[in-house]
Amino acid sequence: MWILGLAGSHNSGAALIRDGKVVVAVQTERLVRYKRQAIRLDEMSADTVQVIAYCLRYAGIDLPDLAAIATCTPSRSVHPRFALRDLPAASVRLPPFVRVPHHLAHAEYALHYAPQDPCLVLVCDGSGTFEDQRAELDIQEEEHHPIKHLGENGKESISAYRFDGTTLSLIYRVAYGSAGGEAGAEWLASLGHLWEWAASYCHGSRHEAGKVMGLAPFGSASVHADLRTIGLHPRGEVRIDFDGLLRRCLRPNTSAADISGSQHHQDIAAHVQRVTNDFLVDLVRFLQTRFDTKNVCYSGGVALNSIANEHLRRSLGINLHMNGSCEDNGTAIGAALAVYHARTGRRVPEDVTDYHGRHYTSSEVEEALRGYAGRVERLERAELLARTARALSSGLVVGWLQGRSEFGPRALGNRSILADPRDPSMQRILNERVKHREAFRPYAPAVVEERAAEFFDLEGPSPVMLRVVPVTVSSLPAITHVDGSARVQTVNRRQNPIFYDLLKQFEAETGVPVLLNTSFNVAGEPIVETPADALRTFIASGMDLLVMEDFMVHPPPSSTSPGDRS
C-alpha cells in the first residue's frame, strides 16, 4: 500500500510510505531553494508538483498507484482539492485525500521511530489544528479521559497521548487562541510562539529560534528571574505572560542585525531557555501522573531545542525517543503513517534515521561537473577517504555530498561542510569565509559512536544531533560552545558507512575520531540537495575542497589557492 503524505505549512514537504515504512521524503525548500518554503494544499502549484514528483519518481510509481494522499496543515484550508484541477475526471484515477490532525501526525512520526513499548507521546509546537475544525477531519483521535484546556479560536499547541503498546489515545491538550493584552493577535498563548517571539525580538525573524538557543549560553537567566513568563498550574493549565515580557523588552532587533555581544539580548535568550527547561520538566511530571512511564516520545517544533531535551532527560531520568524531523516537515511522514494505521490497524516501527532523500549517482555528479573549470579527480574509495582526511587534518574546509540527502534541518554527514575540530581558529574561518554567520553560533561535532564517551558527557547514542551535552576534553575548541557544551552527532557504520569510515580515517591521521560537521549551505540558504547545488555553493564560498561521491573537486583557477585561504 503506497501512501503519499504532504505537510503544507512552513517547512513543508512530501513523503512516500509503502506498507508502513518510509521510502522517501523531501522538504520543499531543498528543491525550490527558498528557505522554509510552504506549499498550498488547495491548488497544484509548481512547488507542489516538484515535491510530489520527487517522491513518485524515486519509487517509480505514479498517482494512480497511491492508495491515499494524507494531508496535514495547521491552516484553515482543510479541503485539499488541488490534484483535481486541470485533469479531466476520466483521464486518471486519483487517490482520495485524507485529512489528518496536525498533532496526531507529529505523534505518529515520533512513535514510528521508537520501541513499541508503552509510553507517553508528547507534541509541543507553535500551533496545530484549529479546535473548531477538528470534526471536519477524516481521521479522529482516540481519547482516554483527556484533560483539555481550550480557548476561543484555539489551536492545539501541546498534546500528549498514552500509547499502551497498541492504542494511541489523547490524554491532554492545550489549545489556546491569541495571547491578547499587549501581545495582541500576533502571538498565540503557546510555548512555540514564546520562542517565535524571542526569535523575532532577538534576531528580527520568528523563524530563528535556533539562533536564540545559540545565544542563550552567553546570557544570565537570573537577570529576569522575577518574570513569571510561563507556568503550569495544578490541573495542567498553561499560562504565558507576554505582557510582562513586552513591558520589560523594549529593544527589539527589527533590522535583524548581528547582536553578538549584546548583553540585553543574551539575557533574554537565557531567560527563555531557562523557563522552557523548567516548564517541560513540570509538564512531563504532570503527564506521568496520568500515565506512569519512563518512556517518552517527543516531537513538534519545540523538540528541536536540544538544550531542553537533555535537561528533560537528565532531570527526570526518562528514556527520550526522538527523530530528526520533529518540526513540521516530519508531519508529511506522520500523516501518511496515521492513514496507514487507520486503514490496516498496523504500525511498522523503523530505526531512527533522517536519510530519507535521494541518492545521486556518480553519473549524475559527473554531469553536474561538465564544463567546470577547476581540477576534478575520480578516486577509489580508500584513496578518497585518505586524501580527504589528510586535507581536513591540515586545516582545509571540505564540502561533502554522499548518499541519500537528509530530510530534517541537521546535516548528518551526507550534505555537510567538514573541518578539523582541534583548530582554535576554525570557527572564525568558517564564519568569515564560508558560512558568513554570527560569531555566537556554535558548530557541532560528529564522533564515532563507540568513542563518544571519551570526549563528551554522553550516555547512549545521538544519531540525529538532538542532544546538547558537556564536552569533557579541551582539545576540541572549534566545536565547544561558550558554556563548554556541544550538540553531538554519534555515527556508527550501520547508519552511515562512508561517513563512519571518514571519521575513522581522520582518527588514523590525528588520533581523534571527531569532525566538525555543519550544514552544507551558506547563511540564508537551504541545505544543498543536488550535486549542482553543492557545486554552486562550493564556487561561491571559501571552501577548499568538494567531495561528491567518488569525485574530488578542487577550486576553480580564479579562486585563491588553499594555502592562502585561511
Protein backbone atom coordinates (compact mmCIF):
# COMPACT_ATOMS: atom_id res chain seq x y z
CA MET A 1 0.00 0.00 0.00
CA TRP A 2 1.51 3.29 -1.17
CA ILE A 3 0.50 6.47 0.72
CA LEU A 4 1.78 9.97 -0.06
CA GLY A 5 2.00 12.42 2.83
CA LEU A 6 2.02 16.20 2.40
CA ALA A 7 2.92 18.82 5.00
CA GLY A 8 1.60 22.15 3.81
CA SER A 9 2.84 24.64 6.40
CA HIS A 10 6.29 26.17 6.89
CA ASN A 11 9.00 23.51 6.48
CA SER A 12 6.62 21.90 4.02
CA GLY A 13 7.42 18.69 2.26
CA ALA A 14 6.29 15.35 0.93
CA ALA A 15 6.88 11.78 1.99
CA LEU A 16 6.03 8.42 0.49
CA ILE A 17 5.46 5.29 2.56
CA ARG A 18 4.86 1.72 1.47
CA ASP A 19 3.25 -0.82 3.76
CA GLY A 20 4.01 1.33 6.80
CA LYS A 21 7.69 2.03 6.02
CA VAL A 22 9.21 5.29 4.83
CA VAL A 23 10.51 5.10 1.26
CA VAL A 24 11.47 8.71 0.51
CA ALA A 25 10.86 12.22 1.86
CA VAL A 26 11.95 15.72 0.91
CA GLN A 27 11.47 19.27 2.14
CA THR A 28 10.16 21.74 -0.43
CA GLU A 29 12.95 24.21 0.38
CA ARG A 30 15.63 21.80 -0.86
CA LEU A 31 14.12 21.75 -4.34
CA VAL A 32 12.91 25.34 -4.80
CA ARG A 33 15.98 26.76 -2.96
CA TYR A 34 13.97 29.09 -0.77
CA LYS A 35 14.24 28.50 2.96
CA ARG A 36 11.12 27.36 4.84
CA GLN A 37 9.01 27.40 1.71
CA ALA A 38 5.37 26.47 2.25
CA ILE A 39 3.10 24.74 -0.22
CA ARG A 40 -0.62 25.21 -0.59
CA LEU A 41 -2.90 22.22 -0.48
CA ASP A 42 -5.76 23.82 -2.37
CA GLU A 43 -4.00 24.21 -5.74
CA MET A 44 -1.48 22.32 -7.81
CA SER A 45 1.35 24.84 -7.70
CA ALA A 46 4.72 24.28 -9.34
CA ASP A 47 6.28 23.75 -5.90
CA THR A 48 3.68 21.13 -5.02
CA VAL A 49 4.29 19.34 -8.30
CA GLN A 50 8.05 19.29 -7.62
CA VAL A 51 7.88 17.61 -4.23
CA ILE A 52 5.25 15.09 -5.33
CA ALA A 53 7.20 14.23 -8.49
CA TYR A 54 10.42 13.84 -6.48
CA CYS A 55 8.82 11.15 -4.34
CA LEU A 56 6.92 9.35 -7.09
CA ARG A 57 9.90 9.22 -9.44
CA TYR A 58 12.14 7.87 -6.71
CA ALA A 59 9.72 4.99 -6.17
CA GLY A 60 8.96 4.52 -9.86
CA ILE A 61 5.22 4.93 -9.40
CA ASP A 62 2.53 7.44 -10.38
CA LEU A 63 -0.56 8.98 -8.80
CA PRO A 64 -2.91 6.08 -9.68
CA ASP A 65 -0.66 3.73 -7.69
CA LEU A 66 -1.40 5.60 -4.45
CA ALA A 67 -3.99 4.32 -2.02
CA ALA A 68 -4.35 7.79 -0.47
CA ILE A 69 -2.84 11.25 -0.15
CA ALA A 70 -2.56 12.19 3.53
CA THR A 71 -2.56 15.90 4.23
CA CYS A 72 -1.64 17.79 7.34
CA THR A 73 -1.67 21.55 7.80
CA PRO A 74 -2.37 23.90 10.71
CA SER A 75 -4.03 26.43 8.39
CA ARG A 76 -7.77 26.82 7.82
CA SER A 77 -7.52 25.29 4.36
CA VAL A 78 -8.63 21.78 5.26
CA HIS A 79 -10.29 20.82 1.96
CA PRO A 80 -7.42 19.94 -0.39
CA ARG A 81 -8.60 19.52 -3.95
CA PHE A 82 -5.60 20.69 -5.94
CA ALA A 83 -5.00 17.43 -7.81
CA LEU A 84 -8.40 17.69 -9.48
CA ARG A 85 -7.53 20.92 -11.26
CA ASP A 86 -6.72 20.78 -14.97
CA LEU A 87 -7.18 17.00 -15.07
CA PRO A 88 -10.20 15.50 -16.85
CA ALA A 89 -12.04 13.38 -14.33
CA ALA A 90 -11.97 10.33 -16.57
CA SER A 91 -8.29 10.61 -17.56
CA VAL A 92 -6.72 9.21 -14.41
CA ARG A 93 -7.83 7.60 -11.17
CA LEU A 94 -6.87 9.94 -8.39
CA PRO A 95 -6.42 8.71 -4.83
CA PRO A 96 -8.60 10.09 -2.04
CA PHE A 97 -7.36 12.88 0.17
CA VAL A 98 -7.33 12.04 3.87
CA ARG A 99 -7.07 14.94 6.30
CA VAL A 100 -5.12 14.22 9.50
CA PRO A 101 -4.95 16.27 12.73
CA HIS A 102 -1.64 18.12 12.92
CA HIS A 103 -0.55 16.86 16.33
CA LEU A 104 -1.61 13.30 15.55
CA ALA A 105 0.75 13.41 12.56
CA HIS A 106 3.57 14.61 14.83
CA ALA A 107 2.74 11.84 17.31
CA GLU A 108 2.70 9.05 14.72
CA TYR A 109 6.04 10.30 13.37
CA ALA A 110 7.65 10.16 16.81
CA LEU A 111 6.17 6.76 17.65
CA HIS A 112 7.31 5.25 14.35
CA TYR A 113 10.98 5.52 15.32
CA ALA A 114 10.62 4.25 18.90
CA PRO A 115 10.32 0.86 20.57
CA GLN A 116 6.66 -0.08 20.62
CA ASP A 117 6.61 -0.25 24.41
CA PRO A 118 4.03 1.64 26.49
CA CYS A 119 4.99 5.32 26.51
CA LEU A 120 3.89 8.91 26.62
CA VAL A 121 3.93 10.73 23.29
CA LEU A 122 4.38 14.48 23.72
CA VAL A 123 3.89 17.05 20.98
CA CYS A 124 4.82 20.67 21.61
CA ASP A 125 4.92 23.34 18.91
CA GLY A 126 3.67 26.78 17.93
CA SER A 127 0.22 25.72 16.82
CA GLY A 128 -1.62 22.97 15.01
CA THR A 129 -5.21 22.14 14.16
CA PHE A 130 -7.97 24.63 14.93
CA GLU A 131 -10.26 23.08 17.53
CA ASP A 132 -13.39 24.31 15.73
CA GLN A 133 -12.35 22.40 12.59
CA ARG A 134 -11.35 19.12 14.20
CA ALA A 135 -14.68 17.43 13.45
CA GLU A 136 -14.22 18.08 9.73
CA LEU A 137 -11.04 16.00 9.51
CA ASP A 138 -11.16 12.49 8.08
CA ILE A 139 -9.24 10.87 10.93
CA GLN A 140 -10.33 11.41 14.52
CA GLU A 141 -8.13 10.77 17.53
CA GLU A 142 -8.78 8.09 20.12
CA GLU A 143 -9.22 9.62 23.58
CA HIS A 144 -8.61 8.34 27.11
CA HIS A 145 -10.32 10.70 29.58
CA PRO A 146 -8.32 13.69 28.31
CA ILE A 147 -7.75 16.90 30.21
CA LYS A 148 -8.37 19.74 27.77
CA HIS A 149 -7.71 23.45 28.13
CA LEU A 150 -9.25 25.15 25.13
CA GLY A 151 -9.64 28.82 24.26
CA GLU A 152 -11.67 30.83 21.79
CA ASN A 153 -10.34 30.24 18.26
CA GLY A 154 -7.95 27.83 19.89
CA LYS A 155 -5.23 25.90 18.07
CA GLU A 156 -3.53 22.89 19.61
CA SER A 157 -0.05 23.76 20.89
CA ILE A 158 0.59 20.94 23.39
CA SER A 159 -0.85 17.44 23.07
CA ALA A 160 0.02 14.30 24.99
CA TYR A 161 -1.01 10.77 24.19
CA ARG A 162 -0.69 7.47 26.01
CA PHE A 163 0.44 4.50 23.96
CA ASP A 164 -0.33 1.22 25.70
CA GLY A 165 1.53 -0.91 23.18
CA THR A 166 -1.41 -0.97 20.78
CA THR A 167 -3.62 2.10 21.03
CA LEU A 168 -2.58 5.75 20.85
CA SER A 169 -5.03 7.85 22.89
CA LEU A 170 -5.17 11.55 23.71
CA ILE A 171 -4.85 12.32 27.43
CA TYR A 172 -4.03 16.06 27.47
CA ARG A 173 -4.39 19.06 25.21
CA VAL A 174 -3.72 22.78 25.36
CA ALA A 175 -5.30 24.80 22.55
CA TYR A 176 -5.49 28.48 23.31
CA GLY A 177 -6.12 31.36 20.96
CA SER A 178 -4.46 34.76 20.87
CA ALA A 179 -2.35 35.71 23.87
CA GLY A 180 -4.23 39.01 23.96
CA GLY A 181 -3.19 42.00 26.05
CA GLU A 182 -0.18 43.90 24.76
CA ALA A 183 0.76 40.92 22.60
CA GLY A 184 -2.39 41.44 20.55
CA ALA A 185 -3.39 38.85 17.97
CA GLU A 186 0.13 38.20 16.64
CA TRP A 187 1.15 35.68 19.29
CA LEU A 188 -0.76 32.64 20.47
CA ALA A 189 -0.52 31.56 24.09
CA SER A 190 1.86 28.69 23.29
CA LEU A 191 5.40 27.68 24.15
CA GLY A 192 6.26 27.54 20.46
CA HIS A 193 5.07 31.12 20.00
CA LEU A 194 7.12 32.20 23.02
CA TRP A 195 10.16 31.01 21.08
CA GLU A 196 8.93 32.67 17.90
CA TRP A 197 8.58 35.90 19.87
CA ALA A 198 12.13 35.52 21.25
CA ALA A 199 13.46 34.86 17.75
CA SER A 200 11.68 37.92 16.39
CA TYR A 201 12.84 40.11 19.30
CA CYS A 202 16.46 38.99 19.23
CA HIS A 203 17.03 38.25 15.54
CA GLY A 204 14.32 40.01 13.55
CA SER A 205 12.55 36.86 12.32
CA ARG A 206 10.22 34.49 14.09
CA HIS A 207 11.93 31.58 12.32
CA GLU A 208 15.29 31.98 14.08
CA ALA A 209 14.67 30.04 17.30
CA GLY A 210 17.90 28.14 16.69
CA LYS A 211 19.84 31.37 16.97
CA VAL A 212 18.17 32.11 20.31
CA MET A 213 19.39 28.74 21.59
CA GLY A 214 22.91 29.55 20.46
CA LEU A 215 22.76 32.97 22.10
CA ALA A 216 21.36 31.79 25.45
CA PRO A 217 24.61 30.42 26.98
CA PHE A 218 26.17 33.89 26.72
CA GLY A 219 23.47 35.39 28.95
CA SER A 220 22.36 35.22 32.56
CA ALA A 221 18.89 33.88 33.26
CA SER A 222 18.95 35.38 36.75
CA VAL A 223 18.65 38.92 35.33
CA HIS A 224 14.96 38.28 34.61
CA ALA A 225 14.27 35.78 37.37
CA ASP A 226 11.40 37.97 38.64
CA LEU A 227 9.39 37.41 35.44
CA ARG A 228 6.82 34.62 35.52
CA THR A 229 6.90 34.06 31.79
CA ILE A 230 5.42 30.56 31.62
CA GLY A 231 3.91 28.31 34.23
CA LEU A 232 1.96 25.09 34.63
CA HIS A 233 -0.98 25.12 37.03
CA PRO A 234 -2.14 22.09 39.06
CA ARG A 235 -4.75 20.89 36.56
CA GLY A 236 -2.44 21.41 33.61
CA GLU A 237 -3.43 24.93 32.63
CA VAL A 238 -0.59 26.78 30.90
CA ARG A 239 -0.09 30.48 31.48
CA ILE A 240 2.25 32.62 29.37
CA ASP A 241 2.81 36.23 30.39
CA PHE A 242 3.61 38.00 27.15
CA ASP A 243 2.63 41.32 28.73
CA GLY A 244 5.42 41.09 31.29
CA LEU A 245 7.95 40.34 28.57
CA LEU A 246 6.77 43.16 26.34
CA ARG A 247 6.93 45.68 29.18
CA ARG A 248 10.48 44.54 30.02
CA CYS A 249 11.82 44.11 26.49
CA LEU A 250 12.00 47.44 24.71
CA ARG A 251 14.88 46.89 22.27
CA PRO A 252 13.61 44.60 19.50
CA ASN A 253 16.14 43.81 16.80
CA THR A 254 13.84 44.79 13.96
CA SER A 255 16.69 45.16 11.47
CA ALA A 256 17.92 41.59 12.06
CA ALA A 257 21.38 42.94 12.85
CA ASP A 258 24.15 40.78 14.25
CA ILE A 259 23.69 41.09 18.02
CA SER A 260 26.87 39.31 19.03
CA GLY A 261 27.92 40.90 22.30
CA SER A 262 24.52 42.44 23.14
CA GLN A 263 24.12 41.57 26.82
CA HIS A 264 20.46 42.55 26.85
CA HIS A 265 19.54 40.08 24.11
CA GLN A 266 21.78 37.41 25.57
CA ASP A 267 19.98 37.70 28.91
CA ILE A 268 16.56 37.50 27.26
CA ALA A 269 17.63 34.37 25.37
CA ALA A 270 18.98 32.83 28.58
CA HIS A 271 15.70 33.59 30.36
CA VAL A 272 13.55 31.99 27.67
CA GLN A 273 15.78 28.92 27.62
CA ARG A 274 15.68 28.57 31.42
CA VAL A 275 11.90 28.86 31.72
CA THR A 276 11.47 26.39 28.85
CA ASN A 277 13.72 23.85 30.58
CA ASP A 278 11.76 24.18 33.83
CA PHE A 279 8.34 24.14 32.18
CA LEU A 280 8.99 20.96 30.21
CA VAL A 281 10.15 19.14 33.33
CA ASP A 282 6.98 20.24 35.15
CA LEU A 283 4.84 19.23 32.17
CA VAL A 284 6.24 15.70 31.87
CA ARG A 285 5.96 15.21 35.64
CA PHE A 286 2.30 16.21 35.39
CA LEU A 287 1.73 13.85 32.45
CA GLN A 288 3.34 10.99 34.36
CA THR A 289 0.52 11.34 36.91
CA ARG A 290 -1.82 10.48 34.03
CA PHE A 291 0.28 7.63 32.63
CA ASP A 292 3.17 6.41 34.73
CA THR A 293 6.10 5.57 32.45
CA LYS A 294 9.76 6.46 31.90
CA ASN A 295 9.36 6.15 28.12
CA VAL A 296 8.60 9.42 26.31
CA CYS A 297 8.39 10.00 22.56
CA TYR A 298 8.69 13.67 21.70
CA SER A 299 8.02 15.74 18.58
CA GLY A 300 6.88 19.17 17.38
CA GLY A 301 8.96 22.25 16.64
CA VAL A 302 9.86 22.85 20.31
CA ALA A 303 11.51 19.41 20.33
CA LEU A 304 14.34 20.86 18.21
CA ASN A 305 15.52 22.57 21.41
CA SER A 306 18.42 20.23 22.12
CA ILE A 307 19.33 22.04 25.36
CA ALA A 308 15.86 21.48 26.81
CA ASN A 309 15.83 17.89 25.55
CA GLU A 310 18.92 16.98 27.51
CA HIS A 311 17.72 18.89 30.58
CA LEU A 312 14.48 16.89 30.45
CA ARG A 313 16.31 13.60 30.01
CA ARG A 314 18.71 14.19 32.90
CA SER A 315 16.26 15.82 35.31
CA LEU A 316 13.69 13.03 35.11
CA GLY A 317 15.81 10.03 34.11
CA ILE A 318 13.47 9.28 31.23
CA ASN A 319 14.04 7.35 28.02
CA LEU A 320 13.50 10.10 25.44
CA HIS A 321 12.82 8.86 21.92
CA MET A 322 13.12 11.35 19.05
CA ASN A 323 13.96 11.60 15.38
CA GLY A 324 15.45 14.48 13.43
CA SER A 325 12.42 15.81 11.52
CA CYS A 326 10.36 16.70 14.56
CA GLU A 327 9.27 20.05 13.11
CA ASP A 328 6.51 20.36 10.53
CA ASN A 329 8.25 18.60 7.65
CA GLY A 330 8.02 15.39 9.69
CA THR A 331 4.23 15.59 9.64
CA ALA A 332 4.33 14.54 5.98
CA ILE A 333 5.64 11.18 7.20
CA GLY A 334 3.37 11.19 10.26
CA ALA A 335 0.20 11.94 8.30
CA ALA A 336 0.90 9.08 5.89
CA LEU A 337 1.59 6.74 8.82
CA ALA A 338 -1.66 7.81 10.51
CA VAL A 339 -3.63 6.91 7.39
CA TYR A 340 -1.82 3.58 7.09
CA HIS A 341 -2.69 2.73 10.70
CA ALA A 342 -6.29 3.84 10.25
CA ARG A 343 -6.67 1.52 7.26
CA THR A 344 -4.75 -1.52 8.48
CA GLY A 345 -4.56 -1.28 12.27
CA ARG A 346 -0.81 -1.83 12.00
CA ARG A 347 2.34 0.11 12.83
CA VAL A 348 5.73 -0.89 11.41
CA PRO A 349 8.47 0.74 13.51
CA GLU A 350 11.85 1.60 11.99
CA ASP A 351 15.26 2.57 13.31
CA VAL A 352 15.98 6.26 13.87
CA THR A 353 17.27 7.85 10.67
CA ASP A 354 16.83 11.09 8.74
CA TYR A 355 18.43 9.89 5.49
CA HIS A 356 15.17 9.89 3.56
CA GLY A 357 16.13 11.85 0.44
CA ARG A 358 17.59 10.85 -2.91
CA HIS A 359 21.00 9.37 -3.65
CA TYR A 360 22.69 10.94 -6.68
CA THR A 361 24.80 8.57 -8.75
CA SER A 362 28.36 9.13 -9.92
CA SER A 363 26.96 9.66 -13.42
CA GLU A 364 24.74 12.48 -12.12
CA VAL A 365 27.72 14.02 -10.31
CA GLU A 366 29.77 13.78 -13.49
CA GLU A 367 27.01 15.53 -15.43
CA ALA A 368 26.88 18.35 -12.86
CA LEU A 369 30.65 18.80 -13.23
CA ARG A 370 30.52 19.01 -17.02
CA GLY A 371 32.15 22.26 -18.08
CA TYR A 372 33.57 23.01 -14.62
CA ALA A 373 36.86 24.91 -14.95
CA GLY A 374 38.63 23.52 -11.90
CA ARG A 375 40.53 20.27 -11.49
CA VAL A 376 38.43 17.17 -10.85
CA GLU A 377 39.74 13.76 -9.81
CA ARG A 378 37.87 10.47 -9.67
CA LEU A 379 39.28 8.29 -6.92
CA GLU A 380 38.89 4.83 -5.47
CA ARG A 381 37.15 4.89 -2.10
CA ALA A 382 40.23 4.15 0.02
CA GLU A 383 42.24 6.93 -1.62
CA LEU A 384 39.29 9.32 -1.47
CA LEU A 385 38.94 8.80 2.29
CA ALA A 386 42.68 9.00 2.95
CA ARG A 387 43.16 12.22 1.00
CA THR A 388 40.05 13.84 2.45
CA ALA A 389 41.19 13.02 5.99
CA ARG A 390 44.65 14.44 5.28
CA ALA A 391 43.12 17.60 3.85
CA LEU A 392 40.95 18.03 6.93
CA SER A 393 43.84 17.39 9.33
CA SER A 394 45.89 20.05 7.52
CA GLY A 395 43.19 22.68 8.14
CA LEU A 396 41.23 22.62 4.88
CA VAL A 397 37.46 23.04 4.76
CA VAL A 398 35.69 20.31 2.79
CA GLY A 399 32.23 20.19 1.26
CA TRP A 400 30.90 16.63 1.45
CA LEU A 401 28.00 15.17 -0.56
CA GLN A 402 27.36 11.44 -0.25
CA GLY A 403 24.40 9.08 -0.30
CA ARG A 404 20.81 9.98 0.48
CA SER A 405 20.07 13.55 1.50
CA GLU A 406 18.86 14.38 5.00
CA PHE A 407 15.17 15.21 5.40
CA GLY A 408 15.39 17.37 8.52
CA PRO A 409 17.23 20.56 9.50
CA ARG A 410 20.52 18.90 10.52
CA ALA A 411 23.32 17.85 8.20
CA LEU A 412 24.25 14.35 9.33
CA GLY A 413 27.24 13.60 7.14
CA ASN A 414 25.60 13.39 3.72
CA ARG A 415 25.19 17.10 2.92
CA SER A 416 27.87 18.54 5.22
CA ILE A 417 30.71 21.01 5.45
CA LEU A 418 33.51 19.34 7.41
CA ALA A 419 36.54 20.73 9.22
CA ASP A 420 39.09 19.98 11.94
CA PRO A 421 37.54 20.46 15.41
CA ARG A 422 41.00 20.80 17.01
CA ASP A 423 41.76 24.07 15.23
CA PRO A 424 41.04 27.03 17.56
CA SER A 425 40.69 29.37 14.56
CA MET A 426 38.29 27.16 12.61
CA GLN A 427 35.08 28.72 13.94
CA ARG A 428 36.28 32.16 12.83
CA ILE A 429 37.39 30.81 9.44
CA LEU A 430 34.01 29.22 8.80
CA ASN A 431 32.07 32.27 9.94
CA GLU A 432 34.08 34.78 7.94
CA ARG A 433 34.99 32.78 4.84
CA VAL A 434 32.39 30.09 4.30
CA LYS A 435 29.14 30.31 6.28
CA HIS A 436 29.03 34.10 6.84
CA ARG A 437 27.10 33.82 10.06
CA GLU A 438 27.15 35.35 13.55
CA ALA A 439 30.08 34.67 15.87
CA PHE A 440 27.90 33.49 18.78
CA ARG A 441 26.57 30.45 16.92
CA PRO A 442 28.33 27.17 17.73
CA TYR A 443 29.40 24.37 15.41
CA ALA A 444 28.58 20.73 16.05
CA PRO A 445 30.76 17.62 16.23
CA ALA A 446 30.30 14.21 14.66
CA VAL A 447 32.02 11.37 16.52
CA VAL A 448 32.22 7.61 16.11
CA GLU A 449 29.64 6.16 18.45
CA GLU A 450 31.92 3.76 20.29
CA ARG A 451 34.31 6.52 21.41
CA ALA A 452 31.82 9.32 22.07
CA ALA A 453 32.02 8.98 25.85
CA GLU A 454 35.76 9.73 25.75
CA PHE A 455 35.08 13.27 24.52
CA PHE A 456 31.55 14.08 25.69
CA ASP A 457 29.43 13.53 28.80
CA LEU A 458 27.09 11.33 26.81
CA GLU A 459 25.34 8.07 27.63
CA GLY A 460 23.82 6.31 24.66
CA PRO A 461 23.70 7.40 21.02
CA SER A 462 22.75 10.74 19.49
CA PRO A 463 22.34 9.90 15.79
CA VAL A 464 20.29 12.93 14.70
CA MET A 465 22.03 15.69 16.66
CA LEU A 466 19.25 16.42 19.18
CA ARG A 467 21.33 16.30 22.38
CA VAL A 468 23.49 19.10 23.81
CA VAL A 469 25.98 17.72 26.33
CA PRO A 470 29.19 18.84 28.05
CA VAL A 471 32.48 18.48 26.18
CA THR A 472 34.90 16.73 28.55
CA VAL A 473 38.19 17.49 26.76
CA SER A 474 39.95 20.77 25.96
CA SER A 475 41.31 19.61 22.60
CA LEU A 476 38.19 20.37 20.52
CA PRO A 477 37.86 24.18 20.67
CA ALA A 478 36.12 24.57 17.29
CA ILE A 479 33.04 22.65 18.45
CA THR A 480 32.98 23.68 22.12
CA HIS A 481 30.42 26.39 22.88
CA VAL A 482 30.97 29.17 25.41
CA ASP A 483 29.35 27.09 28.17
CA GLY A 484 31.51 24.04 27.39
CA SER A 485 28.77 22.15 25.55
CA ALA A 486 28.23 20.71 22.07
CA ARG A 487 25.31 19.34 20.07
CA VAL A 488 26.66 15.90 19.29
CA GLN A 489 26.06 13.51 16.42
CA THR A 490 27.17 9.93 17.02
CA VAL A 491 27.91 7.80 13.96
CA ASN A 492 28.16 4.05 13.54
CA ARG A 493 28.97 2.09 10.39
CA ARG A 494 25.48 0.65 10.02
CA GLN A 495 23.87 4.09 9.94
CA ASN A 496 26.33 5.76 7.57
CA PRO A 497 29.22 3.58 6.36
CA ILE A 498 31.23 6.12 4.38
CA PHE A 499 30.95 8.91 6.95
CA TYR A 500 31.94 6.49 9.69
CA ASP A 501 34.93 5.39 7.63
CA LEU A 502 35.96 9.01 7.08
CA LEU A 503 35.85 9.61 10.84
CA LYS A 504 37.99 6.52 11.36
CA GLN A 505 40.44 7.70 8.70
CA PHE A 506 40.65 11.09 10.43
CA GLU A 507 41.29 9.22 13.67
CA ALA A 508 44.16 7.37 11.96
CA GLU A 509 45.63 10.74 10.93
CA THR A 510 45.12 12.59 14.23
CA GLY A 511 44.11 10.17 16.98
CA VAL A 512 40.75 11.99 17.23
CA PRO A 513 37.60 10.32 15.73
CA VAL A 514 35.72 13.64 15.70
CA LEU A 515 34.98 16.10 12.91
CA LEU A 516 33.32 19.49 12.90
CA ASN A 517 30.10 18.91 10.94
CA THR A 518 27.93 21.80 9.79
CA SER A 519 25.22 22.00 7.16
CA PHE A 520 26.24 22.36 3.51
CA ASN A 521 24.84 25.82 2.86
CA VAL A 522 25.63 29.46 3.41
CA ALA A 523 23.64 31.87 5.56
CA GLY A 524 20.05 32.29 4.41
CA GLU A 525 20.01 29.31 2.04
CA PRO A 526 18.63 25.78 2.47
CA ILE A 527 20.96 22.81 2.72
CA VAL A 528 22.08 21.64 -0.71
CA GLU A 529 20.17 18.77 -2.29
CA THR A 530 21.77 18.02 -5.66
CA PRO A 531 25.35 17.89 -6.96
CA ALA A 532 24.63 21.07 -8.92
CA ASP A 533 23.52 22.83 -5.71
CA ALA A 534 26.71 21.67 -3.99
CA LEU A 535 28.94 22.86 -6.83
CA ARG A 536 27.31 26.31 -6.91
CA THR A 537 27.72 26.71 -3.15
CA PHE A 538 31.33 25.49 -3.32
CA ILE A 539 32.24 28.00 -6.01
CA ALA A 540 30.54 30.87 -4.20
CA SER A 541 32.08 30.11 -0.80
CA GLY A 542 35.56 29.79 0.62
CA MET A 543 35.69 26.01 0.88
CA ASP A 544 38.97 24.36 -0.11
CA LEU A 545 37.71 21.04 -1.49
CA LEU A 546 34.45 19.47 -2.58
CA VAL A 547 33.94 15.71 -2.39
CA MET A 548 30.87 14.33 -4.18
CA GLU A 549 30.54 10.56 -4.27
CA ASP A 550 33.89 9.41 -5.71
CA PHE A 551 34.89 12.79 -7.16
CA MET A 552 37.31 15.22 -5.52
CA VAL A 553 36.76 18.75 -6.82
CA HIS A 554 39.35 21.49 -6.46
CA PRO A 555 38.61 25.24 -6.54
CA PRO A 556 38.38 26.90 -9.97
CA PRO A 557 41.53 28.67 -11.21
CA SER A 558 40.25 32.12 -10.24
CA SER A 559 39.94 31.10 -6.59
CA THR A 560 42.64 31.65 -4.00
CA SER A 561 44.78 28.57 -3.50
CA PRO A 562 44.11 26.59 -0.32
CA GLY A 563 47.39 27.64 1.21
CA ASP A 564 46.29 31.27 1.09
CA ARG A 565 42.65 30.80 2.10
CA SER A 566 42.98 30.91 5.88
